[in-house]
Protein backbone atom coordinates (compact mmCIF):
# COMPACT_ATOMS: atom_id res chain seq x y z
CA UNK A 1 0.00 0.00 0.00
CA UNK A 2 1.33 3.44 -0.95
CA UNK A 3 2.14 5.83 1.89
CA UNK A 4 -0.38 8.52 2.68
CA UNK A 5 0.76 12.00 1.73
CA UNK A 6 0.33 15.26 3.59
CA UNK A 7 0.89 18.85 2.54
CA UNK A 8 1.55 21.35 5.34
CA UNK A 9 1.33 24.99 4.29
CA UNK A 10 3.80 27.28 6.03
CA UNK A 11 3.13 31.01 5.86
CA UNK A 12 5.05 33.82 7.53
CA UNK A 13 3.74 34.20 11.08
CA UNK A 14 2.55 30.60 11.41
CA UNK A 15 2.26 29.18 14.93
CA UNK A 16 5.34 26.99 15.34
CA UNK A 17 3.82 24.31 17.60
CA UNK A 18 0.86 23.91 15.24
CA UNK A 19 3.30 23.38 12.38
CA UNK A 20 6.06 21.21 13.82
CA UNK A 21 4.04 18.89 16.07
CA UNK A 22 1.66 17.67 13.32
CA UNK A 23 4.62 17.21 10.96
CA UNK A 24 6.48 15.15 13.57
CA UNK A 25 3.50 12.97 14.51
CA UNK A 26 2.47 12.34 10.90
CA UNK A 27 6.01 11.32 9.94
CA UNK A 28 6.15 8.95 12.91
CA UNK A 29 2.98 7.39 11.51
CA UNK A 30 4.67 6.75 8.17
CA UNK A 31 2.85 9.54 6.37
CA UNK A 32 4.97 11.29 3.74
CA UNK A 33 4.85 14.95 4.75
CA UNK A 34 5.88 17.87 2.58
CA UNK A 35 6.21 21.24 4.28
CA UNK A 36 5.80 23.98 1.70
CA UNK A 37 6.45 27.69 1.93
CA UNK A 38 3.50 29.77 0.84
CA UNK A 39 5.84 32.41 -0.56
CA UNK A 40 8.57 30.08 -1.83
CA UNK A 41 11.26 27.77 -0.52
CA UNK A 42 13.09 30.33 1.61
CA UNK A 43 13.11 29.90 5.42
CA UNK A 44 9.92 31.14 7.08
CA UNK A 45 9.77 33.08 10.34
CA UNK A 46 7.02 31.89 12.68
CA UNK A 47 4.89 33.80 15.16
CA UNK A 48 7.51 33.39 17.92
CA UNK A 49 10.48 34.13 15.65
CA UNK A 50 11.36 30.46 15.14
CA UNK A 51 12.65 29.99 11.60
CA UNK A 52 11.48 26.88 9.74
CA UNK A 53 12.89 25.69 6.41
CA UNK A 54 10.26 24.38 3.97
CA UNK A 55 10.87 21.23 1.94
CA UNK A 56 9.58 22.87 -1.22
CA UNK A 57 7.69 25.83 -2.58
CA UNK A 58 3.93 25.65 -2.93
CA UNK A 59 4.33 25.91 -6.70
CA UNK A 60 6.61 22.86 -6.79
CA UNK A 61 4.40 20.87 -4.41
CA UNK A 62 1.31 21.42 -6.56
CA UNK A 63 2.95 19.44 -9.35
CA UNK A 64 3.43 16.48 -6.97
CA UNK A 65 -0.23 16.27 -5.91
CA UNK A 66 -2.77 15.08 -5.07
CA UNK A 67 -2.37 14.82 -1.29
CA UNK A 68 -4.41 12.89 1.23
CA UNK A 69 -4.53 15.88 3.57
CA UNK A 70 -3.76 19.58 3.40
CA UNK A 71 -2.87 21.03 6.81
CA UNK A 72 -3.24 24.70 7.77
CA UNK A 73 -1.44 25.83 10.94
CA UNK A 74 -2.71 28.87 12.82
CA UNK A 75 -1.02 32.00 14.10
CA UNK A 76 -2.77 35.32 13.48
CA UNK A 77 -0.39 36.59 10.81
CA UNK A 78 0.07 33.15 9.32
CA UNK A 79 -3.68 32.64 9.00
CA UNK A 80 -4.07 36.08 7.47
CA UNK A 81 -1.44 35.26 4.86
CA UNK A 82 -3.16 31.96 4.08
CA UNK A 83 -6.50 33.77 3.78
CA UNK A 84 -5.15 36.34 1.33
CA UNK A 85 -3.36 33.88 -0.96
CA UNK A 86 -4.88 33.07 -4.35
CA UNK A 87 -2.56 30.05 -4.59
CA UNK A 88 -3.91 28.79 -1.26
CA UNK A 89 -7.46 29.11 -2.54
CA UNK A 90 -6.56 27.05 -5.60
CA UNK A 91 -4.98 24.30 -3.47
CA UNK A 92 -7.96 24.11 -1.11
CA UNK A 93 -10.56 24.14 -3.88
CA UNK A 94 -8.73 21.30 -5.65
CA UNK A 95 -8.43 19.33 -2.41
CA UNK A 96 -12.15 19.77 -1.77
CA UNK A 97 -12.95 18.74 -5.35
CA UNK A 98 -10.81 15.60 -5.00
CA UNK A 99 -12.58 14.79 -1.68
CA UNK A 100 -9.34 14.96 0.26
CA UNK A 101 -9.06 15.78 3.95
CA UNK A 102 -8.49 19.42 4.94
CA UNK A 103 -7.22 20.06 8.48
CA UNK A 104 -6.92 23.48 10.13
CA UNK A 105 -5.97 24.40 13.68
CA UNK A 106 -6.49 27.57 15.70
CA UNK A 107 -6.78 30.68 13.50
CA UNK A 108 -6.02 28.52 10.46
CA UNK A 109 -9.75 27.88 10.21
CA UNK A 110 -10.29 31.49 9.15
CA UNK A 111 -8.63 30.57 5.85
CA UNK A 112 -11.41 28.04 5.27
CA UNK A 113 -13.94 30.85 5.46
CA UNK A 114 -11.85 33.18 3.31
CA UNK A 115 -11.65 30.59 0.54
CA UNK A 116 -15.23 29.29 0.97
CA UNK A 117 -14.21 25.77 1.98
CA UNK A 118 -16.44 23.25 3.75
CA UNK A 119 -19.49 25.48 4.10
CA UNK A 120 -22.15 23.76 6.22
CA UNK A 121 -19.57 21.84 8.26
CA UNK A 122 -18.91 21.85 11.99
CA UNK A 123 -15.76 23.91 12.49
CA UNK A 124 -13.98 24.72 15.73
CA UNK A 125 -11.26 27.31 16.18
CA UNK A 126 -9.43 29.35 18.78
CA UNK A 127 -12.02 31.19 20.92
CA UNK A 128 -10.51 34.54 19.89
CA UNK A 129 -11.01 33.63 16.21
CA UNK A 130 -14.56 32.37 16.69
CA UNK A 131 -16.38 35.53 15.61
CA UNK A 132 -14.26 35.87 12.48
CA UNK A 133 -14.65 32.20 11.54
CA UNK A 134 -18.40 32.21 12.16
CA UNK A 135 -18.99 35.44 10.22
CA UNK A 136 -21.80 34.76 7.78
CA UNK A 137 -23.02 31.65 9.63
CA UNK A 138 -21.45 29.30 7.09
CA UNK A 139 -20.36 26.85 9.81
CA UNK A 140 -21.67 25.34 13.02
CA UNK A 141 -19.37 26.02 15.95
CA UNK A 142 -18.82 23.19 18.46
CA UNK A 143 -16.81 23.61 21.67
CA UNK A 144 -14.85 20.39 21.03
CA UNK A 145 -11.06 20.43 21.23
CA UNK A 146 -10.88 18.57 17.92
CA UNK A 147 -13.78 18.34 15.48
CA UNK A 148 -14.02 16.14 12.39
CA UNK A 149 -17.01 16.66 10.14
CA UNK A 150 -16.70 14.70 6.93
CA UNK A 151 -13.51 15.85 5.24
CA UNK A 152 -13.03 18.95 7.39
CA UNK A 153 -10.95 18.49 10.56
CA UNK A 154 -10.36 21.43 12.90
CA UNK A 155 -8.88 22.14 16.31
CA UNK A 156 -8.61 25.06 18.70
CA UNK A 157 -5.17 26.10 19.96
CA UNK A 158 -1.44 25.26 20.16
CA UNK A 159 -1.79 23.14 23.30
CA UNK A 160 -4.03 20.72 21.41
CA UNK A 161 -1.55 20.19 18.57
CA UNK A 162 -0.80 16.59 19.61
CA UNK A 163 -4.50 15.66 19.62
CA UNK A 164 -5.00 17.47 16.31
CA UNK A 165 -2.10 15.54 14.78
CA UNK A 166 -3.32 12.20 16.12
CA UNK A 167 -6.79 12.90 14.71
CA UNK A 168 -5.22 13.42 11.27
CA UNK A 169 -3.31 10.14 11.62
CA UNK A 170 -6.47 8.32 12.67
CA UNK A 171 -8.40 9.76 9.72
CA UNK A 172 -5.72 8.72 7.21
CA UNK A 173 -4.23 5.55 8.67
CA UNK A 174 -6.72 4.26 11.22
CA UNK A 175 -7.15 4.24 14.97
CA UNK A 176 -4.68 1.41 15.55
CA UNK A 177 -1.84 3.42 14.05
CA UNK A 178 -2.84 6.54 15.97
CA UNK A 179 -3.03 4.62 19.25
CA UNK A 180 0.59 3.52 18.85
CA UNK A 181 1.80 7.10 18.60
CA UNK A 182 0.71 8.72 21.83
CA UNK A 183 3.64 10.72 23.16
CA UNK A 184 4.80 9.94 26.68
CA UNK A 185 2.65 12.64 28.25
CA UNK A 186 -0.60 11.53 26.57
CA UNK A 187 -2.03 8.37 28.08
CA UNK A 188 -5.34 6.66 27.34
CA UNK A 189 -7.28 4.87 30.05
CA UNK A 190 -10.71 3.29 29.78
CA UNK A 191 -12.36 5.17 32.59
CA UNK A 192 -14.20 8.41 33.16
CA UNK A 193 -12.42 10.69 35.63
CA UNK A 194 -14.89 12.20 38.07
CA UNK A 195 -13.82 14.67 40.73
CA UNK A 196 -13.29 11.69 43.00
CA UNK A 197 -11.19 10.10 40.27
CA UNK A 198 -9.04 13.19 40.11
CA UNK A 199 -8.51 13.01 43.87
CA UNK A 200 -7.52 9.36 43.53
CA UNK A 201 -5.04 10.27 40.82
CA UNK A 202 -3.46 12.94 43.02
CA UNK A 203 -3.18 10.37 45.81
CA UNK A 204 -1.55 7.97 43.36
CA UNK A 205 0.95 10.62 42.32
CA UNK A 206 1.88 11.15 45.97
CA UNK A 207 2.53 7.42 46.33
CA UNK A 208 4.52 7.17 43.12
CA UNK A 209 6.48 10.42 43.28
CA UNK A 210 6.48 11.42 46.94
CA UNK A 211 4.39 14.55 46.40
CA UNK A 212 1.49 15.56 44.16
CA UNK A 213 2.71 16.46 40.67
CA UNK A 214 -0.15 15.35 38.44
CA UNK A 215 -2.50 17.55 36.52
CA UNK A 216 -5.49 16.29 34.55
CA UNK A 217 -5.72 18.39 31.42
CA UNK A 218 -8.51 16.64 29.56
CA UNK A 219 -11.43 14.50 30.63
CA UNK A 220 -13.79 12.54 28.37
CA UNK A 221 -16.42 9.93 29.05
CA UNK A 222 -15.33 6.49 27.90
CA UNK A 223 -11.86 6.61 26.45
CA UNK A 224 -10.01 9.30 28.33
CA UNK A 225 -7.03 11.28 27.14
CA UNK A 226 -5.08 12.75 30.02
CA UNK A 227 -2.04 14.96 29.99
CA UNK A 228 0.12 14.25 33.02
CA UNK A 229 3.02 16.52 33.93
CA UNK A 230 5.68 15.41 36.35
CA UNK A 231 8.93 17.11 37.17
CA UNK A 232 10.72 13.92 36.21
CA UNK A 233 8.78 13.57 32.94
CA UNK A 234 8.85 9.84 33.73
CA UNK A 235 6.23 7.65 32.11
CA UNK A 236 6.80 4.85 34.64
CA UNK A 237 5.88 7.19 37.49
CA UNK A 238 2.65 8.12 35.73
CA UNK A 239 1.71 4.48 35.10
CA UNK A 240 2.45 3.62 38.72
CA UNK A 241 0.30 6.54 39.85
CA UNK A 242 -2.59 5.28 37.75
CA UNK A 243 -2.23 1.80 39.22
CA UNK A 244 -2.14 3.16 42.78
CA UNK A 245 -5.26 5.18 41.98
CA UNK A 246 -6.85 1.88 40.91
CA UNK A 247 -7.41 2.86 37.30
CA UNK A 248 -7.32 0.00 34.85
CA UNK A 249 -4.27 0.29 32.65
CA UNK A 250 -3.37 -2.33 30.04
CA UNK A 251 0.07 -3.89 30.17
Foldseek 3Di string as FASTA:
>chain_A
DDAAEEEEEWEAAFDVLLRPLLVVLCVVLVHHYFYAYAVWQQWHQYNVRDTDGGPTHLVVVVVVDDGQEYEYGDGPVSLVVLLPDPSNLVNQVVCVVVQHAYEYEASVLLSCVSSVHPFAEEEEHAPVCVCSNCVPNRHHYDPDQWDDGRRYIYGYDSVCSNVSSLVVCCVVPNDVSSVVRDPLQKDKFFAFQDVVLVVLLQVLLCVLPVHGQFDFDWTDHGIGIGGTDDPVSDSVSNVSSCVSSVTDDDD
